[in-house]
């Protein structure tokens, strides 16, 4: 039997987030929105401003969540 609840992940991108210079304000808003839509947020990931890291993260997350 397949779980009918859609799943999602949020990918936050930015060296400034990882360094602490910028505090993320988007994750909470996105999580609230997804929950209100009936989507189960399973993971949030932060990656640096490196193309290879971004591509790897997007591919990993899209393979794991609906």
PDB file of N, CA and C in Angstrom:
ATOM      1  N   UNK A   1       0.845  -1.186   0.000  1.00  0.00           N
ATOM      2  CA  UNK A   1       0.000   0.000   0.000  1.00  0.00           C
ATOM      3  C   UNK A   1       0.887   1.244   0.000  1.00  0.00           C
ATOM      4  N   UNK A   2       0.572   2.200  -0.834  1.00  0.00           N
ATOM      5  CA  UNK A   2       1.361   3.405  -0.975  1.00  0.00           C
ATOM      6  C   UNK A   2       0.768   4.531  -0.140  1.00  0.00           C
ATOM      7  N   UNK A   3       1.623   5.281   0.517  1.00  0.00           N
ATOM      8  CA  UNK A   3       1.193   6.446   1.279  1.00  0.00           C
ATOM      9  C   UNK A   3       0.768   7.526   0.291  1.00  0.00           C
ATOM     10  N   UNK A   4      -0.455   7.989   0.396  1.00  0.00           N
ATOM     11  CA  UNK A   4      -0.981   8.965  -0.550  1.00  0.00           C
ATOM     12  C   UNK A   4      -0.560  10.400  -0.219  1.00  0.00           C
ATOM     13  N   UNK A   5       0.024  10.623   0.951  1.00  0.00           N
ATOM     14  CA  UNK A   5       0.430  11.965   1.336  1.00  0.00           C
ATOM     15  C   UNK A   5       1.685  12.378   0.571  1.00  0.00           C
ATOM     16  N   UNK A   6       1.623  13.475  -0.177  1.00  0.00           N
ATOM     17  CA  UNK A   6       2.816  13.936  -0.883  1.00  0.00           C
ATOM     18  C   UNK A   6       3.900  14.356   0.112  1.00  0.00           C
ATOM     19  N   UNK A   7       5.146  14.172  -0.289  1.00  0.00           N
ATOM     20  CA  UNK A   7       6.271  14.554   0.556  1.00  0.00           C
ATOM     21  C   UNK A   7       7.130  15.582  -0.163  1.00  0.00           C
ATOM     22  N   UNK A   8       7.861  16.346   0.627  1.00  0.00           N
ATOM     23  CA  UNK A   8       8.689  17.399   0.051  1.00  0.00           C
ATOM     24  C   UNK A   8       9.932  17.631   0.894  1.00  0.00           C
ATOM     25  N   UNK A   9      10.876  18.293   0.280  1.00  0.00           N
ATOM     26  CA  UNK A   9      12.065  18.786   0.967  1.00  0.00           C
ATOM     27  C   UNK A   9      12.269  20.231   0.550  1.00  0.00           C
ATOM     28  N   UNK A  10      12.955  20.979   1.391  1.00  0.00           N
ATOM     29  CA  UNK A  10      13.298  22.359   1.074  1.00  0.00           C
ATOM     30  C   UNK A  10      14.814  22.435   0.983  1.00  0.00           C
ATOM     31  N   UNK A  11      15.287  23.019  -0.104  1.00  0.00           N
ATOM     32  CA  UNK A  11      16.715  23.210  -0.304  1.00  0.00           C
ATOM     33  C   UNK A  11      17.017  24.697  -0.185  1.00  0.00           C
ATOM     34  N   UNK A  12      17.800  25.035   0.820  1.00  0.00           N
ATOM     35  CA  UNK A  12      18.233  26.411   1.028  1.00  0.00           C
ATOM     36  C   UNK A  12      19.655  26.532   0.502  1.00  0.00           C
ATOM     37  N   UNK A  13      19.894  27.544  -0.296  1.00  0.00           N
ATOM     38  CA  UNK A  13      21.179  27.691  -0.963  1.00  0.00           C
ATOM     39  C   UNK A  13      21.810  29.011  -0.564  1.00  0.00           C
ATOM     40  N   UNK A  14      23.041  28.936  -0.063  1.00  0.00           N
ATOM     41  CA  UNK A  14      23.740  30.189   0.204  1.00  0.00           C
ATOM     42  C   UNK A  14      24.865  30.067   1.194  1.00  0.00           C
ATOM     43  N   UNK A  15      26.013  30.569   0.802  1.00  0.00           N
ATOM     44  CA  UNK A  15      27.159  30.631   1.710  1.00  0.00           C
ATOM     45  C   UNK A  15      26.842  31.494   2.931  1.00  0.00           C
ATOM     46  N   UNK A  16      26.044  32.543   2.711  1.00  0.00           N
ATOM     47  CA  UNK A  16      25.726  33.458   3.809  1.00  0.00           C
ATOM     48  C   UNK A  16      24.877  32.787   4.888  1.00  0.00           C
ATOM     49  N   UNK A  17      24.076  31.821   4.524  1.00  0.00           N
ATOM     50  CA  UNK A  17      23.283  31.075   5.509  1.00  0.00           C
ATOM     51  C   UNK A  17      24.199  30.151   6.299  1.00  0.00           C
ATOM     52  N   UNK A  18      25.079  29.469   5.591  1.00  0.00           N
ATOM     53  CA  UNK A  18      25.997  28.548   6.256  1.00  0.00           C
ATOM     54  C   UNK A  18      26.971  29.267   7.194  1.00  0.00           C
ATOM     55  N   UNK A  19      27.355  30.475   6.849  1.00  0.00           N
ATOM     56  CA  UNK A  19      28.311  31.218   7.676  1.00  0.00           C
ATOM     57  C   UNK A  19      27.643  31.860   8.885  1.00  0.00           C
ATOM     58  N   UNK A  20      26.318  31.974   8.853  1.00  0.00           N
ATOM     59  CA  UNK A  20      25.608  32.631   9.939  1.00  0.00           C
ATOM     60  C   UNK A  20      25.405  34.118   9.711  1.00  0.00           C
ATOM     61  N   UNK A  21      25.932  34.657   8.620  1.00  0.00           N
ATOM     62  CA  UNK A  21      25.758  36.091   8.333  1.00  0.00           C
ATOM     63  C   UNK A  21      24.296  36.432   8.064  1.00  0.00           C
ATOM     64  N   UNK A  22      23.567  35.478   7.483  1.00  0.00           N
ATOM     65  CA  UNK A  22      22.158  35.691   7.162  1.00  0.00           C
ATOM     66  C   UNK A  22      21.337  34.621   7.862  1.00  0.00           C
ATOM     67  N   UNK A  23      20.310  35.045   8.549  1.00  0.00           N
ATOM     68  CA  UNK A  23      19.395  34.114   9.208  1.00  0.00           C
ATOM     69  C   UNK A  23      18.265  33.786   8.237  1.00  0.00           C
ATOM     70  N   UNK A  24      18.025  32.506   8.021  1.00  0.00           N
ATOM     71  CA  UNK A  24      16.969  32.085   7.097  1.00  0.00           C
ATOM     72  C   UNK A  24      15.602  32.437   7.661  1.00  0.00           C
ATOM     73  N   UNK A  25      14.782  33.054   6.834  1.00  0.00           N
ATOM     74  CA  UNK A  25      13.415  33.393   7.215  1.00  0.00           C
ATOM     75  C   UNK A  25      12.405  32.666   6.347  1.00  0.00           C
ATOM     76  N   UNK A  26      12.881  31.863   5.415  1.00  0.00           N
ATOM     77  CA  UNK A  26      11.990  31.222   4.454  1.00  0.00           C
ATOM     78  C   UNK A  26      11.490  29.853   4.895  1.00  0.00           C
ATOM     79  N   UNK A  27      12.299  29.101   5.596  1.00  0.00           N
ATOM     80  CA  UNK A  27      11.942  27.722   5.917  1.00  0.00           C
ATOM     81  C   UNK A  27      10.639  27.622   6.705  1.00  0.00           C
ATOM     82  N   UNK A  28      10.482  28.416   7.723  1.00  0.00           N
ATOM     83  CA  UNK A  28       9.255  28.369   8.518  1.00  0.00           C
ATOM     84  C   UNK A  28       8.020  28.686   7.695  1.00  0.00           C
ATOM     85  N   UNK A  29       8.129  29.699   6.854  1.00  0.00           N
ATOM     86  CA  UNK A  29       7.009  30.081   5.988  1.00  0.00           C
ATOM     87  C   UNK A  29       6.663  28.943   5.025  1.00  0.00           C
ATOM     88  N   UNK A  30       7.678  28.376   4.395  1.00  0.00           N
ATOM     89  CA  UNK A  30       7.456  27.290   3.436  1.00  0.00           C
ATOM     90  C   UNK A  30       6.878  26.065   4.134  1.00  0.00           C
ATOM     91  N   UNK A  31       7.396  25.738   5.308  1.00  0.00           N
ATOM     92  CA  UNK A  31       6.885  24.583   6.059  1.00  0.00           C
ATOM     93  C   UNK A  31       5.411  24.771   6.409  1.00  0.00           C
ATOM     94  N   UNK A  32       5.050  25.951   6.870  1.00  0.00           N
ATOM     95  CA  UNK A  32       3.643  26.233   7.181  1.00  0.00           C
ATOM     96  C   UNK A  32       2.765  26.100   5.943  1.00  0.00           C
ATOM     97  N   UNK A  33       3.227  26.640   4.828  1.00  0.00           N
ATOM     98  CA  UNK A  33       2.471  26.586   3.590  1.00  0.00           C
ATOM     99  C   UNK A  33       2.279  25.145   3.123  1.00  0.00           C
ATOM    100  N   UNK A  34       3.362  24.361   3.128  1.00  0.00           N
ATOM    101  CA  UNK A  34       3.261  22.968   2.687  1.00  0.00           C
ATOM    102  C   UNK A  34       2.310  22.173   3.568  1.00  0.00           C
ATOM    103  N   UNK A  35       2.422  22.369   4.872  1.00  0.00           N
ATOM    104  CA  UNK A  35       1.539  21.665   5.804  1.00  0.00           C
ATOM    105  C   UNK A  35       0.078  22.011   5.543  1.00  0.00           C
ATOM    106  N   UNK A  36      -0.191  23.282   5.298  1.00  0.00           N
ATOM    107  CA  UNK A  36      -1.567  23.711   5.014  1.00  0.00           C
ATOM    108  C   UNK A  36      -2.091  23.093   3.728  1.00  0.00           C
ATOM    109  N   UNK A  37      -1.191  22.741   2.808  1.00  0.00           N
ATOM    110  CA  UNK A  37      -1.579  22.116   1.546  1.00  0.00           C
ATOM    111  C   UNK A  37      -1.651  20.596   1.653  1.00  0.00           C
ATOM    112  N   UNK A  38      -1.344  20.053   2.823  1.00  0.00           N
ATOM    113  CA  UNK A  38      -1.379  18.601   3.008  1.00  0.00           C
ATOM    114  C   UNK A  38      -0.122  17.899   2.533  1.00  0.00           C
ATOM    115  N   UNK A  39       0.965  18.637   2.428  1.00  0.00           N
ATOM    116  CA  UNK A  39       2.242  18.075   1.994  1.00  0.00           C
ATOM    117  C   UNK A  39       3.136  17.910   3.219  1.00  0.00           C
ATOM    118  N   UNK A  40       3.712  16.730   3.349  1.00  0.00           N
ATOM    119  CA  UNK A  40       4.536  16.398   4.512  1.00  0.00           C
ATOM    120  C   UNK A  40       5.992  16.771   4.241  1.00  0.00           C
ATOM    121  N   UNK A  41       6.467  17.823   4.910  1.00  0.00           N
ATOM    122  CA  UNK A  41       7.858  18.240   4.771  1.00  0.00           C
ATOM    123  C   UNK A  41       8.739  17.269   5.543  1.00  0.00           C
ATOM    124  N   UNK A  42       9.638  16.606   4.832  1.00  0.00           N
ATOM    125  CA  UNK A  42      10.463  15.558   5.420  1.00  0.00           C
ATOM    126  C   UNK A  42      11.896  15.988   5.691  1.00  0.00           C
ATOM    127  N   UNK A  43      12.378  16.994   4.967  1.00  0.00           N
ATOM    128  CA  UNK A  43      13.789  17.348   5.106  1.00  0.00           C
ATOM    129  C   UNK A  43      14.010  18.784   4.668  1.00  0.00           C
ATOM    130  N   UNK A  44      14.952  19.435   5.340  1.00  0.00           N
ATOM    131  CA  UNK A  44      15.451  20.743   4.913  1.00  0.00           C
ATOM    132  C   UNK A  44      16.965  20.613   4.851  1.00  0.00           C
ATOM    133  N   UNK A  45      17.533  21.105   3.772  1.00  0.00           N
ATOM    134  CA  UNK A  45      18.973  20.973   3.552  1.00  0.00           C
ATOM    135  C   UNK A  45      19.535  22.321   3.129  1.00  0.00           C
ATOM    136  N   UNK A  46      20.714  22.643   3.625  1.00  0.00           N
ATOM    137  CA  UNK A  46      21.398  23.877   3.254  1.00  0.00           C
ATOM    138  C   UNK A  46      22.684  23.510   2.543  1.00  0.00           C
ATOM    139  N   UNK A  47      22.915  24.122   1.385  1.00  0.00           N
ATOM    140  CA  UNK A  47      24.150  23.879   0.637  1.00  0.00           C
ATOM    141  C   UNK A  47      24.794  25.210   0.266  1.00  0.00           C
ATOM    142  N   UNK A  48      26.074  25.134   0.012  1.00  0.00           N
ATOM    143  CA  UNK A  48      26.842  26.311  -0.376  1.00  0.00           C
ATOM    144  C   UNK A  48      26.521  26.728  -1.812  1.00  0.00           C
ATOM    145  N   UNK A  49      26.990  27.907  -2.167  1.00  0.00           N
ATOM    146  CA  UNK A  49      26.813  28.432  -3.519  1.00  0.00           C
ATOM    147  C   UNK A  49      27.811  27.780  -4.484  1.00  0.00           C
ATOM    148  N   UNK A  50      27.736  26.495  -4.593  1.00  0.00           N
ATOM    149  CA  UNK A  50      28.597  25.726  -5.497  1.00  0.00           C
ATOM    150  C   UNK A  50      27.699  24.908  -6.406  1.00  0.00           C
ATOM    151  N   UNK A  51      27.843  25.086  -7.716  1.00  0.00           N
ATOM    152  CA  UNK A  51      26.946  24.435  -8.664  1.00  0.00           C
ATOM    153  C   UNK A  51      26.887  22.927  -8.468  1.00  0.00           C
ATOM    154  N   UNK A  52      28.014  22.282  -8.293  1.00  0.00           N
ATOM    155  CA  UNK A  52      28.026  20.820  -8.140  1.00  0.00           C
ATOM    156  C   UNK A  52      27.273  20.390  -6.884  1.00  0.00           C
ATOM    157  N   UNK A  53      27.411  21.144  -5.804  1.00  0.00           N
ATOM    158  CA  UNK A  53      26.695  20.819  -4.563  1.00  0.00           C
ATOM    159  C   UNK A  53      25.189  21.005  -4.727  1.00  0.00           C
ATOM    160  N   UNK A  54      24.805  22.055  -5.428  1.00  0.00           N
ATOM    161  CA  UNK A  54      23.390  22.324  -5.658  1.00  0.00           C
ATOM    162  C   UNK A  54      22.773  21.222  -6.517  1.00  0.00           C
ATOM    163  N   UNK A  55      23.448  20.872  -7.595  1.00  0.00           N
ATOM    164  CA  UNK A  55      22.946  19.822  -8.488  1.00  0.00           C
ATOM    165  C   UNK A  55      22.826  18.500  -7.744  1.00  0.00           C
ATOM    166  N   UNK A  56      23.833  18.148  -6.964  1.00  0.00           N
ATOM    167  CA  UNK A  56      23.799  16.888  -6.209  1.00  0.00           C
ATOM    168  C   UNK A  56      22.652  16.873  -5.208  1.00  0.00           C
ATOM    169  N   UNK A  57      22.443  17.997  -4.534  1.00  0.00           N
ATOM    170  CA  UNK A  57      21.363  18.067  -3.545  1.00  0.00           C
ATOM    171  C   UNK A  57      19.996  17.969  -4.213  1.00  0.00           C
ATOM    172  N   UNK A  58      19.801  18.692  -5.296  1.00  0.00           N
ATOM    173  CA  UNK A  58      18.507  18.640  -6.007  1.00  0.00           C
ATOM    174  C   UNK A  58      18.241  17.214  -6.476  1.00  0.00           C
ATOM    175  N   UNK A  59      19.228  16.581  -7.065  1.00  0.00           N
ATOM    176  CA  UNK A  59      19.025  15.209  -7.550  1.00  0.00           C
ATOM    177  C   UNK A  59      18.726  14.237  -6.416  1.00  0.00           C
ATOM    178  N   UNK A  60      19.426  14.380  -5.295  1.00  0.00           N
ATOM    179  CA  UNK A  60      19.179  13.487  -4.149  1.00  0.00           C
ATOM    180  C   UNK A  60      17.773  13.690  -3.586  1.00  0.00           C
ATOM    181  N   UNK A  61      17.367  14.940  -3.446  1.00  0.00           N
ATOM    182  CA  UNK A  61      16.061  15.230  -2.853  1.00  0.00           C
ATOM    183  C   UNK A  61      14.915  14.849  -3.774  1.00  0.00           C
ATOM    184  N   UNK A  62      15.049  15.104  -5.061  1.00  0.00           N
ATOM    185  CA  UNK A  62      13.949  14.776  -5.959  1.00  0.00           C
ATOM    186  C   UNK A  62      13.776  13.275  -6.118  1.00  0.00           C
ATOM    187  N   UNK A  63      14.845  12.521  -5.907  1.00  0.00           N
ATOM    188  CA  UNK A  63      14.739  11.060  -5.964  1.00  0.00           C
ATOM    189  C   UNK A  63      14.072  10.494  -4.706  1.00  0.00           C
ATOM    190  N   UNK A  64      14.142  11.234  -3.622  1.00  0.00           N
ATOM    191  CA  UNK A  64      13.662  10.714  -2.346  1.00  0.00           C
ATOM    192  C   UNK A  64      12.221  11.120  -2.014  1.00  0.00           C
ATOM    193  N   UNK A  65      11.809  12.265  -2.480  1.00  0.00           N
ATOM    194  CA  UNK A  65      10.494  12.794  -2.098  1.00  0.00           C
ATOM    195  C   UNK A  65       9.617  13.014  -3.334  1.00  0.00           C
ATOM    196  N   UNK A  66       8.288  12.944  -3.100  1.00  0.00           N
ATOM    197  CA  UNK A  66       7.353  13.093  -4.204  1.00  0.00           C
ATOM    198  C   UNK A  66       7.116  14.537  -4.557  1.00  0.00           C
TER     199      UNK A  66
END
